Full PDB file with SEQRES, HELIX, SHEET, SSBOND, CRYST1, ORIGX, SCALE, CONECT and MASTER records, all heavy atoms in Angstrom:
SEQRES   1 A   32  ALA LEU VAL GLY ASP ASN ILE VAL ASP ARG SER GLU ARG          
SEQRES   2 A   32  THR PRO TRP TYR GLY GLY PRO SER LEU LEU GLU LEU LEU          
SEQRES   3 A   32  GLU THR LEU GLU PRO GLU                                      
HELIX    1 AA1 LEU A   22  THR A   28  1                                   7    
CRYST1    1.000    1.000    1.000  90.00  90.00  90.00 P 1           1          
ORIGX1      1.000000  0.000000  0.000000        0.00000                         
ORIGX2      0.000000  1.000000  0.000000        0.00000                         
ORIGX3      0.000000  0.000000  1.000000        0.00000                         
SCALE1      1.000000  0.000000  0.000000        0.00000                         
SCALE2      0.000000  1.000000  0.000000        0.00000                         
SCALE3      0.000000  0.000000  1.000000        0.00000                         
ATOM      1  N   ALA A   1       4.859   4.840   8.415  1.00  0.00           N  
ATOM      2  CA  ALA A   1       4.646   3.780   9.357  1.00  0.00           C  
ATOM      3  C   ALA A   1       3.939   4.374  10.639  1.00  0.00           C  
ATOM      4  O   ALA A   1       3.054   3.741  11.199  1.00  0.00           O  
ATOM      5  CB  ALA A   1       5.875   3.030   9.800  1.00  0.00           C  
ATOM      6  N   LEU A   2       4.281   5.552  10.984  1.00  0.00           N  
ATOM      7  CA  LEU A   2       3.741   6.265  12.168  1.00  0.00           C  
ATOM      8  C   LEU A   2       2.312   6.507  11.979  1.00  0.00           C  
ATOM      9  O   LEU A   2       1.479   6.308  12.907  1.00  0.00           O  
ATOM     10  CB  LEU A   2       4.674   7.435  12.582  1.00  0.00           C  
ATOM     11  CG  LEU A   2       4.224   8.164  13.876  1.00  0.00           C  
ATOM     12  CD1 LEU A   2       4.473   7.267  15.116  1.00  0.00           C  
ATOM     13  CD2 LEU A   2       5.002   9.483  14.009  1.00  0.00           C  
ATOM     14  N   VAL A   3       1.926   7.117  10.910  1.00  0.00           N  
ATOM     15  CA  VAL A   3       0.647   7.510  10.636  1.00  0.00           C  
ATOM     16  C   VAL A   3      -0.206   6.507  10.019  1.00  0.00           C  
ATOM     17  O   VAL A   3      -1.441   6.375  10.238  1.00  0.00           O  
ATOM     18  CB  VAL A   3       0.616   8.824   9.700  1.00  0.00           C  
ATOM     19  CG1 VAL A   3      -0.861   9.262   9.434  1.00  0.00           C  
ATOM     20  CG2 VAL A   3       1.455  10.009  10.417  1.00  0.00           C  
ATOM     21  N   GLY A   4       0.392   5.626   9.214  1.00  0.00           N  
ATOM     22  CA  GLY A   4      -0.407   4.583   8.520  1.00  0.00           C  
ATOM     23  C   GLY A   4      -0.621   4.784   7.077  1.00  0.00           C  
ATOM     24  O   GLY A   4      -1.370   3.909   6.493  1.00  0.00           O  
ATOM     25  N   ASP A   5      -0.002   5.762   6.394  1.00  0.00           N  
ATOM     26  CA  ASP A   5      -0.240   6.028   5.020  1.00  0.00           C  
ATOM     27  C   ASP A   5       0.232   4.832   4.145  1.00  0.00           C  
ATOM     28  O   ASP A   5       1.399   4.361   4.257  1.00  0.00           O  
ATOM     29  CB  ASP A   5       0.433   7.255   4.552  1.00  0.00           C  
ATOM     30  CG  ASP A   5      -0.132   8.492   5.256  1.00  0.00           C  
ATOM     31  OD1 ASP A   5      -1.239   8.744   4.934  1.00  0.00           O  
ATOM     32  OD2 ASP A   5       0.651   9.070   6.025  1.00  0.00           O  
ATOM     33  N   ASN A   6      -0.586   4.104   3.298  1.00  0.00           N  
ATOM     34  CA  ASN A   6      -0.256   3.266   2.382  1.00  0.00           C  
ATOM     35  C   ASN A   6       0.306   1.894   2.978  1.00  0.00           C  
ATOM     36  O   ASN A   6       1.016   1.130   2.365  1.00  0.00           O  
ATOM     37  CB  ASN A   6       0.661   3.688   1.324  1.00  0.00           C  
ATOM     38  CG  ASN A   6       0.150   4.836   0.457  1.00  0.00           C  
ATOM     39  OD1 ASN A   6      -1.045   4.720   0.083  1.00  0.00           O  
ATOM     40  ND2 ASN A   6       0.912   5.844   0.070  1.00  0.00           N  
ATOM     41  N   ILE A   7      -0.064   1.621   4.245  1.00  0.00           N  
ATOM     42  CA  ILE A   7       0.329   0.395   4.859  1.00  0.00           C  
ATOM     43  C   ILE A   7      -0.707  -0.662   4.709  1.00  0.00           C  
ATOM     44  O   ILE A   7      -0.377  -1.685   4.030  1.00  0.00           O  
ATOM     45  CB  ILE A   7       0.596   0.615   6.409  1.00  0.00           C  
ATOM     46  CG1 ILE A   7       1.653   1.618   6.711  1.00  0.00           C  
ATOM     47  CG2 ILE A   7       0.967  -0.675   7.026  1.00  0.00           C  
ATOM     48  CD1 ILE A   7       3.021   1.396   6.164  1.00  0.00           C  
ATOM     49  N   VAL A   8      -1.911  -0.430   5.096  1.00  0.00           N  
ATOM     50  CA  VAL A   8      -3.034  -1.346   4.882  1.00  0.00           C  
ATOM     51  C   VAL A   8      -3.928  -0.805   3.839  1.00  0.00           C  
ATOM     52  O   VAL A   8      -4.329  -1.490   2.830  1.00  0.00           O  
ATOM     53  CB  VAL A   8      -3.705  -1.693   6.249  1.00  0.00           C  
ATOM     54  CG1 VAL A   8      -5.005  -2.473   5.826  1.00  0.00           C  
ATOM     55  CG2 VAL A   8      -2.840  -2.544   7.110  1.00  0.00           C  
ATOM     56  N   ASP A   9      -4.277   0.512   3.975  1.00  0.00           N  
ATOM     57  CA  ASP A   9      -5.239   1.161   3.044  1.00  0.00           C  
ATOM     58  C   ASP A   9      -4.424   2.213   2.277  1.00  0.00           C  
ATOM     59  O   ASP A   9      -3.393   2.838   2.720  1.00  0.00           O  
ATOM     60  CB  ASP A   9      -6.325   1.747   3.762  1.00  0.00           C  
ATOM     61  CG  ASP A   9      -7.188   0.736   4.528  1.00  0.00           C  
ATOM     62  OD1 ASP A   9      -7.454  -0.278   4.000  1.00  0.00           O  
ATOM     63  OD2 ASP A   9      -7.480   0.972   5.760  1.00  0.00           O  
ATOM     64  N   ARG A  10      -4.807   2.485   1.018  1.00  0.00           N  
ATOM     65  CA  ARG A  10      -4.172   3.624   0.220  1.00  0.00           C  
ATOM     66  C   ARG A  10      -4.486   4.931   0.752  1.00  0.00           C  
ATOM     67  O   ARG A  10      -5.569   5.186   1.314  1.00  0.00           O  
ATOM     68  CB  ARG A  10      -4.608   3.423  -1.251  1.00  0.00           C  
ATOM     69  CG  ARG A  10      -4.368   2.181  -1.849  1.00  0.00           C  
ATOM     70  CD  ARG A  10      -4.779   2.163  -3.283  1.00  0.00           C  
ATOM     71  NE  ARG A  10      -4.765   0.735  -3.887  1.00  0.00           N  
ATOM     72  CZ  ARG A  10      -5.044   0.440  -5.129  1.00  0.00           C  
ATOM     73  NH1 ARG A  10      -5.161   1.457  -6.065  1.00  0.00           N  
ATOM     74  NH2 ARG A  10      -5.182  -0.815  -5.569  1.00  0.00           N  
ATOM     75  N   SER A  11      -3.518   5.762   0.803  1.00  0.00           N  
ATOM     76  CA  SER A  11      -3.637   7.104   1.497  1.00  0.00           C  
ATOM     77  C   SER A  11      -4.154   8.153   0.541  1.00  0.00           C  
ATOM     78  O   SER A  11      -3.658   8.223  -0.627  1.00  0.00           O  
ATOM     79  CB  SER A  11      -2.297   7.441   2.068  1.00  0.00           C  
ATOM     80  OG  SER A  11      -2.327   8.844   2.602  1.00  0.00           O  
ATOM     81  N   GLU A  12      -5.076   8.941   1.044  1.00  0.00           N  
ATOM     82  CA  GLU A  12      -5.482  10.103   0.247  1.00  0.00           C  
ATOM     83  C   GLU A  12      -4.469  11.238   0.168  1.00  0.00           C  
ATOM     84  O   GLU A  12      -4.551  12.143  -0.576  1.00  0.00           O  
ATOM     85  CB  GLU A  12      -6.828  10.591   0.824  1.00  0.00           C  
ATOM     86  CG  GLU A  12      -7.951   9.631   0.725  1.00  0.00           C  
ATOM     87  CD  GLU A  12      -9.258  10.222   1.320  1.00  0.00           C  
ATOM     88  OE1 GLU A  12      -9.202  11.327   1.828  1.00  0.00           O  
ATOM     89  OE2 GLU A  12     -10.354   9.440   1.175  1.00  0.00           O  
ATOM     90  N   ARG A  13      -3.475  11.107   1.065  1.00  0.00           N  
ATOM     91  CA  ARG A  13      -2.477  12.182   1.187  1.00  0.00           C  
ATOM     92  C   ARG A  13      -1.414  11.981   0.069  1.00  0.00           C  
ATOM     93  O   ARG A  13      -0.407  12.806   0.015  1.00  0.00           O  
ATOM     94  CB  ARG A  13      -1.902  12.211   2.599  1.00  0.00           C  
ATOM     95  CG  ARG A  13      -2.866  12.828   3.574  1.00  0.00           C  
ATOM     96  CD  ARG A  13      -2.275  12.917   4.919  1.00  0.00           C  
ATOM     97  NE  ARG A  13      -2.203  11.639   5.678  1.00  0.00           N  
ATOM     98  CZ  ARG A  13      -2.898  11.245   6.568  1.00  0.00           C  
ATOM     99  NH1 ARG A  13      -3.835  12.069   6.969  1.00  0.00           N  
ATOM    100  NH2 ARG A  13      -2.728  10.143   7.148  1.00  0.00           N  
ATOM    101  N   THR A  14      -1.433  10.893  -0.580  1.00  0.00           N  
ATOM    102  CA  THR A  14      -0.465  10.667  -1.748  1.00  0.00           C  
ATOM    103  C   THR A  14      -1.258  10.522  -2.975  1.00  0.00           C  
ATOM    104  O   THR A  14      -1.162   9.325  -3.689  1.00  0.00           O  
ATOM    105  CB  THR A  14       0.456   9.578  -1.372  1.00  0.00           C  
ATOM    106  OG1 THR A  14      -0.328   8.322  -1.141  1.00  0.00           O  
ATOM    107  CG2 THR A  14       1.412   9.677  -0.272  1.00  0.00           C  
ATOM    108  N   PRO A  15      -2.012  11.488  -3.467  1.00  0.00           N  
ATOM    109  CA  PRO A  15      -2.727  11.184  -4.698  1.00  0.00           C  
ATOM    110  C   PRO A  15      -1.898  10.996  -5.982  1.00  0.00           C  
ATOM    111  O   PRO A  15      -2.399  10.492  -6.898  1.00  0.00           O  
ATOM    112  CB  PRO A  15      -3.519  12.611  -4.859  1.00  0.00           C  
ATOM    113  CG  PRO A  15      -2.630  13.621  -4.050  1.00  0.00           C  
ATOM    114  CD  PRO A  15      -2.066  12.880  -2.997  1.00  0.00           C  
ATOM    115  N   TRP A  16      -0.636  11.319  -5.930  1.00  0.00           N  
ATOM    116  CA  TRP A  16       0.209  11.248  -7.027  1.00  0.00           C  
ATOM    117  C   TRP A  16       0.758   9.742  -7.088  1.00  0.00           C  
ATOM    118  O   TRP A  16       1.460   9.362  -8.055  1.00  0.00           O  
ATOM    119  CB  TRP A  16       1.520  12.098  -6.911  1.00  0.00           C  
ATOM    120  CG  TRP A  16       1.956  12.178  -5.535  1.00  0.00           C  
ATOM    121  CD1 TRP A  16       1.670  13.222  -4.613  1.00  0.00           C  
ATOM    122  CD2 TRP A  16       2.924  11.370  -4.854  1.00  0.00           C  
ATOM    123  NE1 TRP A  16       2.280  13.028  -3.506  1.00  0.00           N  
ATOM    124  CE2 TRP A  16       3.110  11.933  -3.550  1.00  0.00           C  
ATOM    125  CE3 TRP A  16       3.612  10.177  -5.161  1.00  0.00           C  
ATOM    126  CZ2 TRP A  16       3.883  11.407  -2.551  1.00  0.00           C  
ATOM    127  CZ3 TRP A  16       4.400   9.565  -4.216  1.00  0.00           C  
ATOM    128  CH2 TRP A  16       4.572  10.233  -2.974  1.00  0.00           C  
ATOM    129  N   TYR A  17       0.459   8.864  -6.087  1.00  0.00           N  
ATOM    130  CA  TYR A  17       0.840   7.465  -6.078  1.00  0.00           C  
ATOM    131  C   TYR A  17      -0.317   6.694  -6.501  1.00  0.00           C  
ATOM    132  O   TYR A  17      -1.283   6.642  -5.918  1.00  0.00           O  
ATOM    133  CB  TYR A  17       1.428   7.053  -4.792  1.00  0.00           C  
ATOM    134  CG  TYR A  17       1.699   5.588  -4.627  1.00  0.00           C  
ATOM    135  CD1 TYR A  17       2.668   4.951  -5.308  1.00  0.00           C  
ATOM    136  CD2 TYR A  17       0.930   4.821  -3.813  1.00  0.00           C  
ATOM    137  CE1 TYR A  17       2.983   3.604  -5.197  1.00  0.00           C  
ATOM    138  CE2 TYR A  17       1.119   3.431  -3.670  1.00  0.00           C  
ATOM    139  CZ  TYR A  17       2.157   2.790  -4.382  1.00  0.00           C  
ATOM    140  OH  TYR A  17       2.359   1.485  -4.375  1.00  0.00           O  
ATOM    141  N   GLY A  18      -0.168   5.839  -7.550  1.00  0.00           N  
ATOM    142  CA  GLY A  18      -1.317   5.095  -8.089  1.00  0.00           C  
ATOM    143  C   GLY A  18      -1.197   3.612  -7.886  1.00  0.00           C  
ATOM    144  O   GLY A  18      -2.040   2.820  -8.378  1.00  0.00           O  
ATOM    145  N   GLY A  19      -0.194   3.181  -7.080  1.00  0.00           N  
ATOM    146  CA  GLY A  19       0.017   1.732  -6.874  1.00  0.00           C  
ATOM    147  C   GLY A  19      -0.705   1.191  -5.721  1.00  0.00           C  
ATOM    148  O   GLY A  19      -1.448   1.912  -5.014  1.00  0.00           O  
ATOM    149  N   PRO A  20      -0.534   0.026  -5.341  1.00  0.00           N  
ATOM    150  CA  PRO A  20      -1.191  -0.616  -4.156  1.00  0.00           C  
ATOM    151  C   PRO A  20      -0.586  -0.289  -2.860  1.00  0.00           C  
ATOM    152  O   PRO A  20       0.541   0.157  -2.730  1.00  0.00           O  
ATOM    153  CB  PRO A  20      -1.035  -2.183  -4.452  1.00  0.00           C  
ATOM    154  CG  PRO A  20       0.399  -2.245  -5.125  1.00  0.00           C  
ATOM    155  CD  PRO A  20       0.395  -1.021  -6.033  1.00  0.00           C  
ATOM    156  N   SER A  21      -1.281  -0.446  -1.821  1.00  0.00           N  
ATOM    157  CA  SER A  21      -0.676  -0.372  -0.416  1.00  0.00           C  
ATOM    158  C   SER A  21       0.189  -1.557  -0.169  1.00  0.00           C  
ATOM    159  O   SER A  21       0.239  -2.510  -0.983  1.00  0.00           O  
ATOM    160  CB  SER A  21      -1.830  -0.372   0.560  1.00  0.00           C  
ATOM    161  OG  SER A  21      -2.471  -1.565   0.723  1.00  0.00           O  
ATOM    162  N   LEU A  22       0.980  -1.443   0.864  1.00  0.00           N  
ATOM    163  CA  LEU A  22       1.865  -2.572   1.220  1.00  0.00           C  
ATOM    164  C   LEU A  22       1.173  -3.837   1.430  1.00  0.00           C  
ATOM    165  O   LEU A  22       1.594  -4.899   0.910  1.00  0.00           O  
ATOM    166  CB  LEU A  22       2.705  -2.172   2.532  1.00  0.00           C  
ATOM    167  CG  LEU A  22       3.645  -3.283   3.065  1.00  0.00           C  
ATOM    168  CD1 LEU A  22       4.698  -3.617   2.092  1.00  0.00           C  
ATOM    169  CD2 LEU A  22       4.212  -2.826   4.346  1.00  0.00           C  
ATOM    170  N   LEU A  23       0.142  -3.864   2.251  1.00  0.00           N  
ATOM    171  CA  LEU A  23      -0.595  -5.234   2.388  1.00  0.00           C  
ATOM    172  C   LEU A  23      -1.307  -5.668   1.124  1.00  0.00           C  
ATOM    173  O   LEU A  23      -1.293  -6.857   0.904  1.00  0.00           O  
ATOM    174  CB  LEU A  23      -1.770  -4.948   3.453  1.00  0.00           C  
ATOM    175  CG  LEU A  23      -2.502  -6.181   3.882  1.00  0.00           C  
ATOM    176  CD1 LEU A  23      -1.466  -7.265   4.452  1.00  0.00           C  
ATOM    177  CD2 LEU A  23      -3.519  -5.816   5.004  1.00  0.00           C  
ATOM    178  N   GLU A  24      -1.845  -4.797   0.276  1.00  0.00           N  
ATOM    179  CA  GLU A  24      -2.441  -5.131  -1.003  1.00  0.00           C  
ATOM    180  C   GLU A  24      -1.406  -5.903  -1.838  1.00  0.00           C  
ATOM    181  O   GLU A  24      -1.670  -6.881  -2.414  1.00  0.00           O  
ATOM    182  CB  GLU A  24      -2.991  -3.987  -1.761  1.00  0.00           C  
ATOM    183  CG  GLU A  24      -4.329  -3.409  -1.017  1.00  0.00           C  
ATOM    184  CD  GLU A  24      -4.810  -2.110  -1.735  1.00  0.00           C  
ATOM    185  OE1 GLU A  24      -3.992  -1.557  -2.415  1.00  0.00           O  
ATOM    186  OE2 GLU A  24      -5.849  -1.871  -1.595  1.00  0.00           O  
ATOM    187  N   LEU A  25      -0.146  -5.339  -1.858  1.00  0.00           N  
ATOM    188  CA  LEU A  25       0.887  -5.988  -2.659  1.00  0.00           C  
ATOM    189  C   LEU A  25       1.288  -7.322  -2.048  1.00  0.00           C  
ATOM    190  O   LEU A  25       1.463  -8.333  -2.796  1.00  0.00           O  
ATOM    191  CB  LEU A  25       2.049  -5.047  -2.763  1.00  0.00           C  
ATOM    192  CG  LEU A  25       3.267  -5.556  -3.587  1.00  0.00           C  
ATOM    193  CD1 LEU A  25       2.858  -5.830  -5.060  1.00  0.00           C  
ATOM    194  CD2 LEU A  25       4.353  -4.497  -3.582  1.00  0.00           C  
ATOM    195  N   LEU A  26       1.439  -7.305  -0.763  1.00  0.00           N  
ATOM    196  CA  LEU A  26       1.883  -8.619  -0.079  1.00  0.00           C  
ATOM    197  C   LEU A  26       0.759  -9.735  -0.352  1.00  0.00           C  
ATOM    198  O   LEU A  26       1.056 -10.897  -0.347  1.00  0.00           O  
ATOM    199  CB  LEU A  26       2.023  -8.419   1.447  1.00  0.00           C  
ATOM    200  CG  LEU A  26       3.233  -7.555   1.830  1.00  0.00           C  
ATOM    201  CD1 LEU A  26       3.215  -7.261   3.264  1.00  0.00           C  
ATOM    202  CD2 LEU A  26       4.583  -8.231   1.406  1.00  0.00           C  
ATOM    203  N   GLU A  27      -0.413  -9.353  -0.367  1.00  0.00           N  
ATOM    204  CA  GLU A  27      -1.489 -10.312  -0.629  1.00  0.00           C  
ATOM    205  C   GLU A  27      -1.561 -10.893  -1.995  1.00  0.00           C  
ATOM    206  O   GLU A  27      -2.128 -11.944  -2.273  1.00  0.00           O  
ATOM    207  CB  GLU A  27      -2.935  -9.723  -0.291  1.00  0.00           C  
ATOM    208  CG  GLU A  27      -3.140  -9.539   1.194  1.00  0.00           C  
ATOM    209  CD  GLU A  27      -4.531  -8.936   1.477  1.00  0.00           C  
ATOM    210  OE1 GLU A  27      -5.062  -8.173   0.566  1.00  0.00           O  
ATOM    211  OE2 GLU A  27      -5.101  -9.208   2.531  1.00  0.00           O  
ATOM    212  N   THR A  28      -0.871 -10.213  -2.945  1.00  0.00           N  
ATOM    213  CA  THR A  28      -0.890 -10.750  -4.334  1.00  0.00           C  
ATOM    214  C   THR A  28       0.389 -11.360  -4.836  1.00  0.00           C  
ATOM    215  O   THR A  28       0.454 -12.124  -5.805  1.00  0.00           O  
ATOM    216  CB  THR A  28      -1.312  -9.593  -5.319  1.00  0.00           C  
ATOM    217  OG1 THR A  28      -0.310  -8.507  -5.172  1.00  0.00           O  
ATOM    218  CG2 THR A  28      -2.602  -9.035  -4.980  1.00  0.00           C  
ATOM    219  N   LEU A  29       1.592 -11.106  -4.095  1.00  0.00           N  
ATOM    220  CA  LEU A  29       2.736 -11.673  -4.511  1.00  0.00           C  
ATOM    221  C   LEU A  29       2.747 -13.210  -4.260  1.00  0.00           C  
ATOM    222  O   LEU A  29       2.308 -13.610  -3.274  1.00  0.00           O  
ATOM    223  CB  LEU A  29       4.019 -11.046  -3.799  1.00  0.00           C  
ATOM    224  CG  LEU A  29       4.218  -9.576  -4.036  1.00  0.00           C  
ATOM    225  CD1 LEU A  29       5.427  -9.033  -3.203  1.00  0.00           C  
ATOM    226  CD2 LEU A  29       4.672  -9.474  -5.578  1.00  0.00           C  
ATOM    227  N   GLU A  30       3.465 -13.969  -5.179  1.00  0.00           N  
ATOM    228  CA  GLU A  30       3.427 -15.414  -5.098  1.00  0.00           C  
ATOM    229  C   GLU A  30       4.946 -15.785  -4.809  1.00  0.00           C  
ATOM    230  O   GLU A  30       5.997 -15.224  -5.429  1.00  0.00           O  
ATOM    231  CB  GLU A  30       3.002 -16.070  -6.329  1.00  0.00           C  
ATOM    232  CG  GLU A  30       1.522 -15.910  -6.566  1.00  0.00           C  
ATOM    233  CD  GLU A  30       0.695 -16.521  -5.566  1.00  0.00           C  
ATOM    234  OE1 GLU A  30       1.135 -17.471  -4.832  1.00  0.00           O  
ATOM    235  OE2 GLU A  30      -0.566 -16.151  -5.419  1.00  0.00           O  
ATOM    236  N   PRO A  31       5.144 -16.792  -3.937  1.00  0.00           N  
ATOM    237  CA  PRO A  31       6.509 -17.348  -3.717  1.00  0.00           C  
ATOM    238  C   PRO A  31       7.006 -17.890  -4.971  1.00  0.00           C  
ATOM    239  O   PRO A  31       6.392 -18.546  -5.796  1.00  0.00           O  
ATOM    240  CB  PRO A  31       6.308 -18.441  -2.672  1.00  0.00           C  
ATOM    241  CG  PRO A  31       4.986 -18.166  -2.007  1.00  0.00           C  
ATOM    242  CD  PRO A  31       4.146 -17.532  -3.121  1.00  0.00           C  
ATOM    243  N   GLU A  32       8.257 -17.558  -5.286  1.00  0.00           N  
ATOM    244  CA  GLU A  32       8.999 -18.017  -6.510  1.00  0.00           C  
ATOM    245  C   GLU A  32       9.383 -19.453  -6.380  1.00  0.00           C  
ATOM    246  O   GLU A  32       9.282 -20.291  -7.330  1.00  0.00           O  
ATOM    247  CB  GLU A  32      10.177 -17.144  -6.875  1.00  0.00           C  
ATOM    248  CG  GLU A  32      10.897 -17.474  -8.129  1.00  0.00           C  
ATOM    249  CD  GLU A  32      12.076 -16.640  -8.374  1.00  0.00           C  
ATOM    250  OE1 GLU A  32      13.107 -16.876  -7.779  1.00  0.00           O  
ATOM    251  OE2 GLU A  32      12.033 -15.789  -9.197  1.00  0.00           O  
TER     252      GLU A  32                                                      
MASTER        0    0    0    1    0    0    0    6  251    1    0    3          
END                                                                             
C-alpha cells in the first residue's frame, strides 16, 4: 500500500504473481 505495488497497476517487482491488481479485480467482481 505504501509503494503502490498491485494496487491499481500490476507490479514488475512481483513477476511470480500472475493475477490481477486489486483495482482490476474490483472492477470485474459482481454483487451476489
